[in-house]
PDB file of N, CA and C in Angstrom:
ATOM      1  N   UNK A   1      62.237 -89.019 172.498  1.00  0.00           N
ATOM      2  CA  UNK A   1      61.116 -89.907 172.652  1.00  0.00           C
ATOM      3  C   UNK A   1      60.721 -90.530 171.310  1.00  0.00           C
ATOM      4  N   UNK A   2      60.675 -89.695 170.280  1.00  0.00           N
ATOM      5  CA  UNK A   2      60.289 -90.168 168.964  1.00  0.00           C
ATOM      6  C   UNK A   2      61.314 -91.147 168.399  1.00  0.00           C
ATOM      7  N   UNK A   3      62.613 -90.858 168.606  1.00  0.00           N
ATOM      8  CA  UNK A   3      63.651 -91.740 168.077  1.00  0.00           C
ATOM      9  C   UNK A   3      63.640 -93.097 168.761  1.00  0.00           C
ATOM     10  N   UNK A   4      63.371 -93.126 170.055  1.00  0.00           N
ATOM     11  CA  UNK A   4      63.291 -94.418 170.748  1.00  0.00           C
ATOM     12  C   UNK A   4      62.094 -95.219 170.268  1.00  0.00           C
ATOM     13  N   UNK A   5      60.996 -94.536 169.956  1.00  0.00           N
ATOM     14  CA  UNK A   5      59.817 -95.227 169.436  1.00  0.00           C
ATOM     15  C   UNK A   5      60.132 -95.863 168.081  1.00  0.00           C
ATOM     16  N   UNK A   6      60.819 -95.112 167.211  1.00  0.00           N
ATOM     17  CA  UNK A   6      61.178 -95.654 165.896  1.00  0.00           C
ATOM     18  C   UNK A   6      62.095 -96.856 166.029  1.00  0.00           C
ATOM     19  N   UNK A   7      63.065 -96.779 166.946  1.00  0.00           N
ATOM     20  CA  UNK A   7      63.993 -97.884 167.148  1.00  0.00           C
ATOM     21  C   UNK A   7      63.259 -99.118 167.648  1.00  0.00           C
ATOM     22  N   UNK A   8      62.397 -98.934 168.622  1.00  0.00           N
ATOM     23  CA  UNK A   8      61.658-100.066 169.165  1.00  0.00           C
ATOM     24  C   UNK A   8      60.699-100.659 168.133  1.00  0.00           C
ATOM     25  N   UNK A   9      60.044 -99.805 167.363  1.00  0.00           N
ATOM     26  CA  UNK A   9      59.103-100.326 166.373  1.00  0.00           C
ATOM     27  C   UNK A   9      59.839-101.095 165.282  1.00  0.00           C
ATOM     28  N   UNK A  10      61.048-100.632 164.901  1.00  0.00           N
ATOM     29  CA  UNK A  10      61.796-101.369 163.884  1.00  0.00           C
ATOM     30  C   UNK A  10      62.286-102.706 164.416  1.00  0.00           C
ATOM     31  N   UNK A  11      62.598-102.765 165.706  1.00  0.00           N
ATOM     32  CA  UNK A  11      63.036-104.030 166.295  1.00  0.00           C
ATOM     33  C   UNK A  11      61.897-105.036 166.303  1.00  0.00           C
ATOM     34  N   UNK A  12      60.683-104.568 166.616  1.00  0.00           N
ATOM     35  CA  UNK A  12      59.568-105.495 166.721  1.00  0.00           C
ATOM     36  C   UNK A  12      58.957-105.847 165.366  1.00  0.00           C
ATOM     37  N   UNK A  13      59.129-105.028 164.353  1.00  0.00           N
ATOM     38  CA  UNK A  13      58.547-105.360 163.059  1.00  0.00           C
ATOM     39  C   UNK A  13      59.429-106.309 162.274  1.00  0.00           C
ATOM     40  N   UNK A  14      60.754-106.189 162.380  1.00  0.00           N
ATOM     41  CA  UNK A  14      61.668-107.087 161.672  1.00  0.00           C
ATOM     42  C   UNK A  14      62.247-108.075 162.677  1.00  0.00           C
ATOM     43  N   UNK A  15      62.317-109.346 162.338  1.00  0.00           N
ATOM     44  CA  UNK A  15      62.844-110.313 163.299  1.00  0.00           C
ATOM     45  C   UNK A  15      64.332-110.106 163.525  1.00  0.00           C
ATOM     46  N   UNK A  16      64.741-110.032 164.763  1.00  0.00           N
ATOM     47  CA  UNK A  16      66.136-109.937 165.196  1.00  0.00           C
ATOM     48  C   UNK A  16      66.846-108.710 164.653  1.00  0.00           C
ATOM     49  N   UNK A  17      66.154-107.619 164.378  1.00  0.00           N
ATOM     50  CA  UNK A  17      66.810-106.404 163.900  1.00  0.00           C
ATOM     51  C   UNK A  17      67.588-105.789 165.051  1.00  0.00           C
ATOM     52  N   UNK A  18      68.804-105.391 164.780  1.00  0.00           N
ATOM     53  CA  UNK A  18      69.627-104.786 165.804  1.00  0.00           C
ATOM     54  C   UNK A  18      70.355-105.816 166.645  1.00  0.00           C
ATOM     55  N   UNK A  19      69.999-107.071 166.522  1.00  0.00           N
ATOM     56  CA  UNK A  19      70.666-108.133 167.264  1.00  0.00           C
ATOM     57  C   UNK A  19      71.597-108.875 166.321  1.00  0.00           C
ATOM     58  N   UNK A  20      72.437-109.718 166.875  1.00  0.00           N
ATOM     59  CA  UNK A  20      73.338-110.483 166.013  1.00  0.00           C
ATOM     60  C   UNK A  20      72.527-111.497 165.224  1.00  0.00           C
ATOM     61  N   UNK A  21      72.805-111.602 163.920  1.00  0.00           N
ATOM     62  CA  UNK A  21      72.056-112.498 163.050  1.00  0.00           C
ATOM     63  C   UNK A  21      72.765-113.838 162.957  1.00  0.00           C
ATOM     64  N   UNK A  22      71.986-114.864 162.932  1.00  0.00           N
ATOM     65  CA  UNK A  22      72.505-116.175 162.572  1.00  0.00           C
ATOM     66  C   UNK A  22      72.207-116.362 161.098  1.00  0.00           C
ATOM     67  N   UNK A  23      72.985-117.225 160.435  1.00  0.00           N
ATOM     68  CA  UNK A  23      72.811-117.387 158.990  1.00  0.00           C
ATOM     69  C   UNK A  23      71.428-117.931 158.660  1.00  0.00           C
ATOM     70  N   UNK A  24      70.887-118.802 159.499  1.00  0.00           N
ATOM     71  CA  UNK A  24      69.563-119.344 159.197  1.00  0.00           C
ATOM     72  C   UNK A  24      68.493-118.252 159.275  1.00  0.00           C
ATOM     73  N   UNK A  25      68.654-117.304 160.223  1.00  0.00           N
ATOM     74  CA  UNK A  25      67.700-116.202 160.321  1.00  0.00           C
ATOM     75  C   UNK A  25      67.766-115.328 159.075  1.00  0.00           C
ATOM     76  N   UNK A  26      68.979-115.067 158.592  1.00  0.00           N
ATOM     77  CA  UNK A  26      69.129-114.228 157.408  1.00  0.00           C
ATOM     78  C   UNK A  26      68.536-114.902 156.186  1.00  0.00           C
ATOM     79  N   UNK A  27      68.785-116.210 156.041  1.00  0.00           N
ATOM     80  CA  UNK A  27      68.257-116.895 154.879  1.00  0.00           C
ATOM     81  C   UNK A  27      66.731-116.928 154.921  1.00  0.00           C
ATOM     82  N   UNK A  28      66.163-117.089 156.087  1.00  0.00           N
ATOM     83  CA  UNK A  28      64.715-117.106 156.190  1.00  0.00           C
ATOM     84  C   UNK A  28      64.148-115.729 155.871  1.00  0.00           C
ATOM     85  N   UNK A  29      64.840-114.675 156.219  1.00  0.00           N
ATOM     86  CA  UNK A  29      64.385-113.317 155.986  1.00  0.00           C
ATOM     87  C   UNK A  29      64.494-112.941 154.516  1.00  0.00           C
ATOM     88  N   UNK A  30      65.498-113.506 153.772  1.00  0.00           N
ATOM     89  CA  UNK A  30      65.739-113.120 152.383  1.00  0.00           C
ATOM     90  C   UNK A  30      65.175-114.121 151.390  1.00  0.00           C
ATOM     91  N   UNK A  31      64.156-114.856 151.691  1.00  0.00           N
ATOM     92  CA  UNK A  31      63.645-115.886 150.804  1.00  0.00           C
ATOM     93  C   UNK A  31      63.013-115.319 149.542  1.00  0.00           C
ATOM     94  N   UNK A  32      62.832-116.179 148.553  1.00  0.00           N
ATOM     95  CA  UNK A  32      62.166-115.787 147.306  1.00  0.00           C
ATOM     96  C   UNK A  32      60.680-116.057 147.474  1.00  0.00           C
ATOM     97  N   UNK A  33      59.889-115.068 147.175  1.00  0.00           N
ATOM     98  CA  UNK A  33      58.442-115.217 147.274  1.00  0.00           C
ATOM     99  C   UNK A  33      57.819-115.007 145.906  1.00  0.00           C
ATOM    100  N   UNK A  34      56.886-115.877 145.572  1.00  0.00           N
ATOM    101  CA  UNK A  34      56.190-115.797 144.287  1.00  0.00           C
ATOM    102  C   UNK A  34      54.697-115.830 144.566  1.00  0.00           C
ATOM    103  N   UNK A  35      53.970-114.883 144.001  1.00  0.00           N
ATOM    104  CA  UNK A  35      52.515-114.881 144.145  1.00  0.00           C
ATOM    105  C   UNK A  35      51.911-115.707 143.018  1.00  0.00           C
ATOM    106  N   UNK A  36      50.937-116.517 143.369  1.00  0.00           N
ATOM    107  CA  UNK A  36      50.273-117.369 142.386  1.00  0.00           C
ATOM    108  C   UNK A  36      48.842-116.865 142.223  1.00  0.00           C
ATOM    109  N   UNK A  37      48.517-116.518 140.986  1.00  0.00           N
ATOM    110  CA  UNK A  37      47.193-115.999 140.675  1.00  0.00           C
ATOM    111  C   UNK A  37      46.350-117.072 140.000  1.00  0.00           C
ATOM    112  N   UNK A  38      45.094-117.113 140.311  1.00  0.00           N
ATOM    113  CA  UNK A  38      44.109-118.017 139.704  1.00  0.00           C
ATOM    114  C   UNK A  38      44.535-119.486 139.784  1.00  0.00           C
ATOM    115  N   UNK A  39      45.201-119.863 140.869  1.00  0.00           N
ATOM    116  CA  UNK A  39      45.654-121.244 141.080  1.00  0.00           C
ATOM    117  C   UNK A  39      46.511-121.771 139.925  1.00  0.00           C
ATOM    118  N   UNK A  40      47.254-120.888 139.270  1.00  0.00           N
ATOM    119  CA  UNK A  40      48.111-121.286 138.157  1.00  0.00           C
ATOM    120  C   UNK A  40      49.513-121.578 138.708  1.00  0.00           C
ATOM    121  N   UNK A  41      49.695-122.807 139.192  1.00  0.00           N
ATOM    122  CA  UNK A  41      50.946-123.197 139.827  1.00  0.00           C
ATOM    123  C   UNK A  41      52.087-123.307 138.829  1.00  0.00           C
ATOM    124  N   UNK A  42      51.813-123.769 137.622  1.00  0.00           N
ATOM    125  CA  UNK A  42      52.866-123.918 136.607  1.00  0.00           C
ATOM    126  C   UNK A  42      53.509-122.575 136.270  1.00  0.00           C
ATOM    127  N   UNK A  43      52.685-121.565 136.116  1.00  0.00           N
ATOM    128  CA  UNK A  43      53.204-120.233 135.791  1.00  0.00           C
ATOM    129  C   UNK A  43      54.041-119.684 136.944  1.00  0.00           C
ATOM    130  N   UNK A  44      53.600-119.941 138.174  1.00  0.00           N
ATOM    131  CA  UNK A  44      54.356-119.516 139.340  1.00  0.00           C
ATOM    132  C   UNK A  44      55.714-120.201 139.420  1.00  0.00           C
ATOM    133  N   UNK A  45      55.749-121.500 139.096  1.00  0.00           N
ATOM    134  CA  UNK A  45      57.015-122.233 139.120  1.00  0.00           C
ATOM    135  C   UNK A  45      57.981-121.734 138.058  1.00  0.00           C
ATOM    136  N   UNK A  46      57.470-121.451 136.856  1.00  0.00           N
ATOM    137  CA  UNK A  46      58.353-120.939 135.810  1.00  0.00           C
ATOM    138  C   UNK A  46      58.884-119.559 136.177  1.00  0.00           C
ATOM    139  N   UNK A  47      58.040-118.748 136.803  1.00  0.00           N
ATOM    140  CA  UNK A  47      58.484-117.423 137.238  1.00  0.00           C
ATOM    141  C   UNK A  47      59.562-117.543 138.311  1.00  0.00           C
ATOM    142  N   UNK A  48      59.380-118.477 139.253  1.00  0.00           N
ATOM    143  CA  UNK A  48      60.367-118.683 140.304  1.00  0.00           C
ATOM    144  C   UNK A  48      61.677-119.190 139.714  1.00  0.00           C
ATOM    145  N   UNK A  49      61.608-120.074 138.732  1.00  0.00           N
ATOM    146  CA  UNK A  49      62.815-120.589 138.094  1.00  0.00           C
ATOM    147  C   UNK A  49      63.566-119.457 137.385  1.00  0.00           C
ATOM    148  N   UNK A  50      62.840-118.551 136.745  1.00  0.00           N
ATOM    149  CA  UNK A  50      63.462-117.415 136.085  1.00  0.00           C
ATOM    150  C   UNK A  50      64.181-116.516 137.098  1.00  0.00           C
ATOM    151  N   UNK A  51      63.536-116.301 138.241  1.00  0.00           N
ATOM    152  CA  UNK A  51      64.145-115.473 139.292  1.00  0.00           C
ATOM    153  C   UNK A  51      65.418-116.143 139.813  1.00  0.00           C
ATOM    154  N   UNK A  52      65.345-117.459 140.024  1.00  0.00           N
ATOM    155  CA  UNK A  52      66.509-118.182 140.543  1.00  0.00           C
ATOM    156  C   UNK A  52      67.659-118.155 139.544  1.00  0.00           C
ATOM    157  N   UNK A  53      67.368-118.269 138.252  1.00  0.00           N
ATOM    158  CA  UNK A  53      68.417-118.228 137.243  1.00  0.00           C
ATOM    159  C   UNK A  53      69.065-116.858 137.184  1.00  0.00           C
ATOM    160  N   UNK A  54      68.254-115.816 137.240  1.00  0.00           N
ATOM    161  CA  UNK A  54      68.808-114.468 137.117  1.00  0.00           C
ATOM    162  C   UNK A  54      69.613-114.071 138.339  1.00  0.00           C
ATOM    163  N   UNK A  55      69.256-114.581 139.512  1.00  0.00           N
ATOM    164  CA  UNK A  55      69.982-114.205 140.721  1.00  0.00           C
ATOM    165  C   UNK A  55      71.190-115.094 140.977  1.00  0.00           C
ATOM    166  N   UNK A  56      71.328-116.193 140.245  1.00  0.00           N
ATOM    167  CA  UNK A  56      72.492-117.059 140.407  1.00  0.00           C
ATOM    168  C   UNK A  56      72.308-118.135 141.458  1.00  0.00           C
ATOM    169  N   UNK A  57      71.133-118.231 142.040  1.00  0.00           N
ATOM    170  CA  UNK A  57      70.895-119.234 143.076  1.00  0.00           C
ATOM    171  C   UNK A  57      70.950-120.637 142.471  1.00  0.00           C
ATOM    172  N   UNK A  58      70.405-120.791 141.277  1.00  0.00           N
ATOM    173  CA  UNK A  58      70.379-122.108 140.645  1.00  0.00           C
ATOM    174  C   UNK A  58      71.798-122.616 140.398  1.00  0.00           C
ATOM    175  N   UNK A  59      72.693-121.714 139.973  1.00  0.00           N
ATOM    176  CA  UNK A  59      74.086-122.092 139.732  1.00  0.00           C
ATOM    177  C   UNK A  59      74.763-122.527 141.030  1.00  0.00           C
ATOM    178  N   UNK A  60      74.476-121.791 142.123  1.00  0.00           N
ATOM    179  CA  UNK A  60      75.055-122.145 143.411  1.00  0.00           C
ATOM    180  C   UNK A  60      74.576-123.520 143.864  1.00  0.00           C
ATOM    181  N   UNK A  61      73.316-123.823 143.658  1.00  0.00           N
ATOM    182  CA  UNK A  61      72.768-125.119 144.071  1.00  0.00           C
ATOM    183  C   UNK A  61      73.421-126.238 143.274  1.00  0.00           C
ATOM    184  N   UNK A  62      73.581-126.038 141.966  1.00  0.00           N
ATOM    185  CA  UNK A  62      74.197-127.073 141.143  1.00  0.00           C
ATOM    186  C   UNK A  62      75.655-127.295 141.525  1.00  0.00           C
ATOM    187  N   UNK A  63      76.372-126.215 141.864  1.00  0.00           N
ATOM    188  CA  UNK A  63      77.774-126.364 142.256  1.00  0.00           C
ATOM    189  C   UNK A  63      77.928-127.052 143.600  1.00  0.00           C
ATOM    190  N   UNK A  64      76.950-126.916 144.483  1.00  0.00           N
ATOM    191  CA  UNK A  64      77.040-127.510 145.806  1.00  0.00           C
ATOM    192  C   UNK A  64      76.626-128.972 145.834  1.00  0.00           C
ATOM    193  N   UNK A  65      75.989-129.462 144.785  1.00  0.00           N
ATOM    194  CA  UNK A  65      75.554-130.853 144.780  1.00  0.00           C
ATOM    195  C   UNK A  65      76.771-131.760 144.712  1.00  0.00           C
ATOM    196  N   UNK A  66      76.810-132.726 145.606  1.00  0.00           N
ATOM    197  CA  UNK A  66      77.913-133.681 145.636  1.00  0.00           C
ATOM    198  C   UNK A  66      77.405-134.979 145.030  1.00  0.00           C
ATOM    199  N   UNK A  67      78.100-135.456 144.028  1.00  0.00           N
ATOM    200  CA  UNK A  67      77.708-136.697 143.406  1.00  0.00           C
ATOM    201  C   UNK A  67      78.948-137.547 143.196  1.00  0.00           C
ATOM    202  N   UNK A  68      78.756-138.815 143.027  1.00  0.00           N
ATOM    203  CA  UNK A  68      79.862-139.744 142.892  1.00  0.00           C
ATOM    204  C   UNK A  68      80.444-139.672 141.489  1.00  0.00           C
ATOM    205  N   UNK A  69      81.768-139.603 141.410  1.00  0.00           N
ATOM    206  CA  UNK A  69      82.461-139.624 140.123  1.00  0.00           C
ATOM    207  C   UNK A  69      83.207-140.945 140.035  1.00  0.00           C
ATOM    208  N   UNK A  70      82.982-141.660 138.955  1.00  0.00           N
ATOM    209  CA  UNK A  70      83.652-142.952 138.781  1.00  0.00           C
ATOM    210  C   UNK A  70      85.152-142.741 138.612  1.00  0.00           C
ATOM    211  N   UNK A  71      85.939-143.757 138.919  1.00  0.00           N
ATOM    212  CA  UNK A  71      87.386-143.657 138.792  1.00  0.00           C
ATOM    213  C   UNK A  71      87.812-143.423 137.350  1.00  0.00           C
ATOM    214  N   UNK A  72      87.095-144.032 136.399  1.00  0.00           N
ATOM    215  CA  UNK A  72      87.440-143.824 134.993  1.00  0.00           C
ATOM    216  C   UNK A  72      87.215-142.365 134.597  1.00  0.00           C
ATOM    217  N   UNK A  73      86.138-141.767 135.122  1.00  0.00           N
ATOM    218  CA  UNK A  73      85.895-140.347 134.846  1.00  0.00           C
ATOM    219  C   UNK A  73      86.983-139.477 135.458  1.00  0.00           C
ATOM    220  N   UNK A  74      87.420-139.837 136.672  1.00  0.00           N
ATOM    221  CA  UNK A  74      88.495-139.084 137.321  1.00  0.00           C
ATOM    222  C   UNK A  74      89.766-139.138 136.495  1.00  0.00           C
ATOM    223  N   UNK A  75      90.085-140.327 135.969  1.00  0.00           N
ATOM    224  CA  UNK A  75      91.299-140.462 135.137  1.00  0.00           C
ATOM    225  C   UNK A  75      91.194-139.609 133.884  1.00  0.00           C
ATOM    226  N   UNK A  76      90.026-139.626 133.242  1.00  0.00           N
ATOM    227  CA  UNK A  76      89.834-138.846 132.013  1.00  0.00           C
ATOM    228  C   UNK A  76      89.948-137.359 132.309  1.00  0.00           C
ATOM    229  N   UNK A  77      89.316-136.907 133.403  1.00  0.00           N
ATOM    230  CA  UNK A  77      89.393-135.486 133.765  1.00  0.00           C
ATOM    231  C   UNK A  77      90.818-135.081 134.110  1.00  0.00           C
ATOM    232  N   UNK A  78      91.550-135.949 134.821  1.00  0.00           N
ATOM    233  CA  UNK A  78      92.936-135.645 135.160  1.00  0.00           C
ATOM    234  C   UNK A  78      93.793-135.565 133.904  1.00  0.00           C
ATOM    235  N   UNK A  79      93.554-136.457 132.948  1.00  0.00           N
ATOM    236  CA  UNK A  79      94.312-136.445 131.686  1.00  0.00           C
ATOM    237  C   UNK A  79      94.029-135.162 130.898  1.00  0.00           C
ATOM    238  N   UNK A  80      92.757-134.760 130.847  1.00  0.00           N
ATOM    239  CA  UNK A  80      92.408-133.525 130.139  1.00  0.00           C
ATOM    240  C   UNK A  80      93.036-132.309 130.801  1.00  0.00           C
ATOM    241  N   UNK A  81      93.022-132.278 132.151  1.00  0.00           N
ATOM    242  CA  UNK A  81      93.644-131.157 132.859  1.00  0.00           C
ATOM    243  C   UNK A  81      95.138-131.113 132.601  1.00  0.00           C
ATOM    244  N   UNK A  82      95.783-132.286 132.570  1.00  0.00           N
ATOM    245  CA  UNK A  82      97.220-132.346 132.286  1.00  0.00           C
ATOM    246  C   UNK A  82      97.512-131.836 130.883  1.00  0.00           C
ATOM    247  N   UNK A  83      96.738-132.278 129.889  1.00  0.00           N
ATOM    248  CA  UNK A  83      96.946-131.819 128.510  1.00  0.00           C
ATOM    249  C   UNK A  83      96.732-130.310 128.401  1.00  0.00           C
ATOM    250  N   UNK A  84      95.705-129.798 129.066  1.00  0.00           N
ATOM    251  CA  UNK A  84      95.432-128.369 129.038  1.00  0.00           C
ATOM    252  C   UNK A  84      96.588-127.579 129.646  1.00  0.00           C
ATOM    253  N   UNK A  85      97.119-128.071 130.776  1.00  0.00           N
ATOM    254  CA  UNK A  85      98.211-127.385 131.442  1.00  0.00           C
ATOM    255  C   UNK A  85      99.489-127.411 130.601  1.00  0.00           C
ATOM    256  N   UNK A  86      99.786-128.574 129.978  1.00  0.00           N
ATOM    257  CA  UNK A  86     100.976-128.674 129.133  1.00  0.00           C
ATOM    258  C   UNK A  86     100.866-127.766 127.905  1.00  0.00           C
ATOM    259  N   UNK A  87      99.691-127.716 127.308  1.00  0.00           N
ATOM    260  CA  UNK A  87      99.482-126.855 126.150  1.00  0.00           C
ATOM    261  C   UNK A  87      99.651-125.391 126.532  1.00  0.00           C
ATOM    262  N   UNK A  88      99.115-125.009 127.692  1.00  0.00           N
ATOM    263  CA  UNK A  88      99.238-123.634 128.168  1.00  0.00           C
ATOM    264  C   UNK A  88     100.695-123.272 128.429  1.00  0.00           C
ATOM    265  N   UNK A  89     101.438-124.188 129.050  1.00  0.00           N
ATOM    266  CA  UNK A  89     102.861-123.942 129.312  1.00  0.00           C
ATOM    267  C   UNK A  89     103.642-123.824 128.011  1.00  0.00           C
ATOM    268  N   UNK A  90     103.318-124.664 127.026  1.00  0.00           N
ATOM    269  CA  UNK A  90     104.005-124.620 125.736  1.00  0.00           C
ATOM    270  C   UNK A  90     103.745-123.295 125.016  1.00  0.00           C
ATOM    271  N   UNK A  91     102.482-122.854 125.023  1.00  0.00           N
ATOM    272  CA  UNK A  91     102.160-121.577 124.393  1.00  0.00           C
ATOM    273  C   UNK A  91     102.832-120.414 125.116  1.00  0.00           C
ATOM    274  N   UNK A  92     102.907-120.482 126.448  1.00  0.00           N
ATOM    275  CA  UNK A  92     103.585-119.428 127.211  1.00  0.00           C
ATOM    276  C   UNK A  92     105.065-119.391 126.872  1.00  0.00           C
ATOM    277  N   UNK A  93     105.673-120.568 126.729  1.00  0.00           N
ATOM    278  CA  UNK A  93     107.089-120.640 126.358  1.00  0.00           C
ATOM    279  C   UNK A  93     107.314-120.023 124.973  1.00  0.00           C
ATOM    280  N   UNK A  94     106.457-120.342 124.011  1.00  0.00           N
ATOM    281  CA  UNK A  94     106.582-119.791 122.659  1.00  0.00           C
ATOM    282  C   UNK A  94     106.402-118.269 122.670  1.00  0.00           C
ATOM    283  N   UNK A  95     105.423-117.794 123.404  1.00  0.00           N
ATOM    284  CA  UNK A  95     105.172-116.367 123.489  1.00  0.00           C
ATOM    285  C   UNK A  95     106.359-115.642 124.112  1.00  0.00           C
ATOM    286  N   UNK A  96     106.937-116.246 125.132  1.00  0.00           N
ATOM    287  CA  UNK A  96     108.104-115.642 125.782  1.00  0.00           C
ATOM    288  C   UNK A  96     109.269-115.533 124.813  1.00  0.00           C
ATOM    289  N   UNK A  97     109.518-116.593 124.032  1.00  0.00           N
ATOM    290  CA  UNK A  97     110.631-116.543 123.080  1.00  0.00           C
ATOM    291  C   UNK A  97     110.385-115.498 121.998  1.00  0.00           C
ATOM    292  N   UNK A  98     109.130-115.352 121.552  1.00  0.00           N
ATOM    293  CA  UNK A  98     108.806-114.335 120.542  1.00  0.00           C
ATOM    294  C   UNK A  98     109.037-112.942 121.107  1.00  0.00           C
ATOM    295  N   UNK A  99     108.603-112.704 122.346  1.00  0.00           N
ATOM    296  CA  UNK A  99     108.777-111.398 122.959  1.00  0.00           C
ATOM    297  C   UNK A  99     110.248-111.069 123.203  1.00  0.00           C
ATOM    298  N   UNK A 100     111.033-112.069 123.590  1.00  0.00           N
ATOM    299  CA  UNK A 100     112.466-111.849 123.803  1.00  0.00           C
ATOM    300  C   UNK A 100     113.131-111.473 122.492  1.00  0.00           C
ATOM    301  N   UNK A 101     112.791-112.157 121.404  1.00  0.00           N
ATOM    302  CA  UNK A 101     113.360-111.836 120.091  1.00  0.00           C
ATOM    303  C   UNK A 101     112.976-110.423 119.665  1.00  0.00           C
ATOM    304  N   UNK A 102     111.737-110.043 119.938  1.00  0.00           N
ATOM    305  CA  UNK A 102     111.253-108.731 119.555  1.00  0.00           C
ATOM    306  C   UNK A 102     111.994-107.642 120.337  1.00  0.00           C
ATOM    307  N   UNK A 103     112.220-107.857 121.640  1.00  0.00           N
ATOM    308  CA  UNK A 103     112.906-106.877 122.472  1.00  0.00           C
ATOM    309  C   UNK A 103     114.372-106.741 122.055  1.00  0.00           C
ATOM    310  N   UNK A 104     115.003-107.865 121.725  1.00  0.00           N
ATOM    311  CA  UNK A 104     116.424-107.850 121.341  1.00  0.00           C
ATOM    312  C   UNK A 104     116.629-107.338 119.920  1.00  0.00           C
ATOM    313  N   UNK A 105     115.564-107.303 119.160  1.00  0.00           N
ATOM    314  CA  UNK A 105     115.655-106.738 117.808  1.00  0.00           C
ATOM    315  C   UNK A 105     116.063-107.750 116.744  1.00  0.00           C
ATOM    316  N   UNK A 106     115.791-109.007 116.924  1.00  0.00           N
ATOM    317  CA  UNK A 106     116.163-110.033 115.927  1.00  0.00           C
ATOM    318  C   UNK A 106     115.242-109.993 114.760  1.00  0.00           C
TER     319      UNK A 106
END
């Protein structure tokens, strides 16, 4: 009797406990809450920003933002990626030759 009471009370106190969760329900349940004292909204906002930075939410939001990239920027980024990849391959080739010489005893 006692265990059924605990189960029922936990179901009614938490929304959708024991049932299948939808992502929107979970996000609403796990929100960030900030208490504001003496109507000091600026302090509350800075505190919330600190919480978001420490939890990584701010980084996730910035990564999810979709913005337009100009074609010239795309070309520059592609060129930089190509140079980075070629440099990495060249260094790997040099390292491999050094290790082969070391193993062979040259």
